[in-house]
Amino acid sequence: MGRLTTHVLDTASGRPAAGLVVDLYRLDGGEAKLKSARTNADGRVDGPLLEGEAFVPGVYELRFHAGDYLRGTTTLPEPPFLDVIPIRFGIAASDQHYHVPLLLSPYGYSTYRGS
């Protein structure tokens, strides 16, 4: 059975991004918020964001609240260059693991499908 996980690394500090809020939305047939979580000391969300019967193919979006996190770690201009970072992705197979990490700094980010 498939599952969705994430973690966030603060590349500017070289540490996991602890305390960053991540929201998960399903976008098929309208926008529905499925879950909100906060990263732990390792920059990971405790447990899968999506699994079991809820893990079905479709279009999803993770929203990483980077601005709130970065305000707590560095001095930012207002408004910050990055605030809420949306990552829209598709789940095509319900029997696979989808890991969507975020590598974050105050002025850039990257993501990929991890293992």
Protein backbone atom coordinates (compact mmCIF):
# COMPACT_ATOMS: atom_id res chain seq x y z
CA MET A 1 0.00 0.00 0.00
CA GLY A 2 1.28 3.49 -0.85
CA ARG A 3 2.12 6.43 1.35
CA LEU A 4 3.22 10.05 1.12
CA THR A 5 5.99 11.51 3.29
CA THR A 6 8.09 14.67 3.36
CA HIS A 7 10.98 16.33 5.09
CA VAL A 8 12.55 19.80 4.94
CA LEU A 9 16.24 20.70 5.04
CA ASP A 10 17.40 24.26 5.70
CA THR A 11 20.31 24.49 3.26
CA ALA A 12 21.36 27.93 4.53
CA SER A 13 22.03 26.60 8.03
CA GLY A 14 22.90 23.04 7.06
CA ARG A 15 20.29 21.67 9.47
CA PRO A 16 16.84 20.09 9.35
CA ALA A 17 14.02 22.65 9.31
CA ALA A 18 12.31 21.92 12.63
CA GLY A 19 8.89 23.40 13.34
CA LEU A 20 7.90 24.16 9.74
CA VAL A 21 4.17 23.77 9.01
CA VAL A 22 3.16 21.66 5.99
CA ASP A 23 -0.39 21.45 4.65
CA LEU A 24 -1.62 18.77 2.24
CA TYR A 25 -4.44 19.45 -0.23
CA ARG A 26 -6.18 17.27 -2.78
CA LEU A 27 -7.02 19.27 -5.90
CA ASP A 28 -9.18 16.87 -7.94
CA GLY A 29 -12.79 18.05 -8.00
CA GLY A 30 -12.00 21.23 -6.06
CA GLU A 31 -9.56 22.05 -3.31
CA ALA A 32 -9.79 20.03 -0.09
CA LYS A 33 -7.37 20.34 2.82
CA LEU A 34 -6.50 16.84 4.01
CA LYS A 35 -3.91 17.38 6.71
CA SER A 36 -1.71 19.90 8.47
CA ALA A 37 1.50 18.85 10.22
CA ARG A 38 4.67 20.33 11.69
CA THR A 39 8.18 19.05 11.08
CA ASN A 40 10.04 17.52 14.02
CA ALA A 41 13.67 18.08 15.11
CA ASP A 42 14.84 15.97 12.14
CA GLY A 43 12.87 18.13 9.68
CA ARG A 44 10.44 15.28 9.09
CA VAL A 45 6.70 15.07 9.56
CA ASP A 46 5.90 12.37 12.12
CA GLY A 47 4.25 9.64 10.08
CA PRO A 48 2.85 9.65 6.55
CA LEU A 49 0.79 12.59 5.36
CA LEU A 50 -1.32 10.22 3.30
CA GLU A 51 -1.70 6.43 3.46
CA GLY A 52 -4.18 3.57 3.49
CA GLU A 53 -7.55 4.00 1.83
CA ALA A 54 -7.01 7.77 1.54
CA PHE A 55 -3.95 7.21 -0.67
CA VAL A 56 -5.51 7.30 -4.13
CA PRO A 57 -4.27 8.55 -7.51
CA GLY A 58 -4.91 12.22 -8.18
CA VAL A 59 -3.47 15.72 -8.06
CA TYR A 60 -2.19 16.97 -4.71
CA GLU A 61 -0.40 20.01 -3.33
CA LEU A 62 1.92 20.40 -0.38
CA ARG A 63 2.13 23.94 1.01
CA PHE A 64 5.27 24.57 3.02
CA HIS A 65 4.98 27.62 5.31
CA ALA A 66 8.58 28.67 4.74
CA GLY A 67 8.18 32.36 5.62
CA ASP A 68 6.99 31.63 9.14
CA TYR A 69 9.86 29.18 9.66
CA LEU A 70 12.51 31.49 8.16
CA ARG A 71 11.38 34.46 10.27
CA GLY A 72 12.34 32.39 13.30
CA THR A 73 15.82 31.59 11.99
CA THR A 74 17.03 34.71 10.19
CA THR A 75 16.22 38.35 9.49
CA LEU A 76 13.97 38.65 6.46
CA PRO A 77 12.65 41.63 4.51
CA GLU A 78 8.89 42.16 4.61
CA PRO A 79 7.35 40.74 2.66
CA PRO A 80 9.82 37.84 2.47
CA PHE A 81 10.96 36.60 -0.92
CA LEU A 82 9.56 33.14 -0.11
CA ASP A 83 6.50 32.68 2.06
CA VAL A 84 4.19 29.74 1.35
CA ILE A 85 5.79 27.35 -1.14
CA PRO A 86 3.27 25.22 -3.07
CA ILE A 87 4.46 21.95 -4.61
CA ARG A 88 1.81 20.46 -6.91
CA PHE A 89 2.32 16.84 -7.90
CA GLY A 90 0.44 13.82 -9.13
CA ILE A 91 0.07 10.40 -7.60
CA ALA A 92 -0.36 7.87 -10.38
CA ALA A 93 -0.03 4.57 -8.51
CA SER A 94 -1.62 3.73 -5.16
CA ASP A 95 0.94 1.03 -4.37
CA GLN A 96 4.08 3.21 -4.32
CA HIS A 97 5.87 5.41 -1.80
CA TYR A 98 5.94 9.09 -2.72
CA HIS A 99 8.48 11.13 -0.79
CA VAL A 100 8.49 14.89 -1.55
CA PRO A 101 11.37 16.64 0.25
CA LEU A 102 12.03 20.38 0.25
CA LEU A 103 15.53 21.90 0.30
CA LEU A 104 15.05 25.45 1.56
CA SER A 105 16.94 28.73 1.93
CA PRO A 106 15.60 32.29 2.30
CA TYR A 107 15.96 32.94 -1.45
CA GLY A 108 15.50 29.58 -3.14
CA TYR A 109 14.26 26.03 -2.87
CA SER A 110 14.27 22.73 -4.73
CA THR A 111 12.34 19.50 -4.55
CA TYR A 112 12.30 16.07 -6.17
CA ARG A 113 10.61 12.72 -5.82
CA GLY A 114 12.70 10.93 -3.25
CA SER A 115 12.77 7.37 -2.04
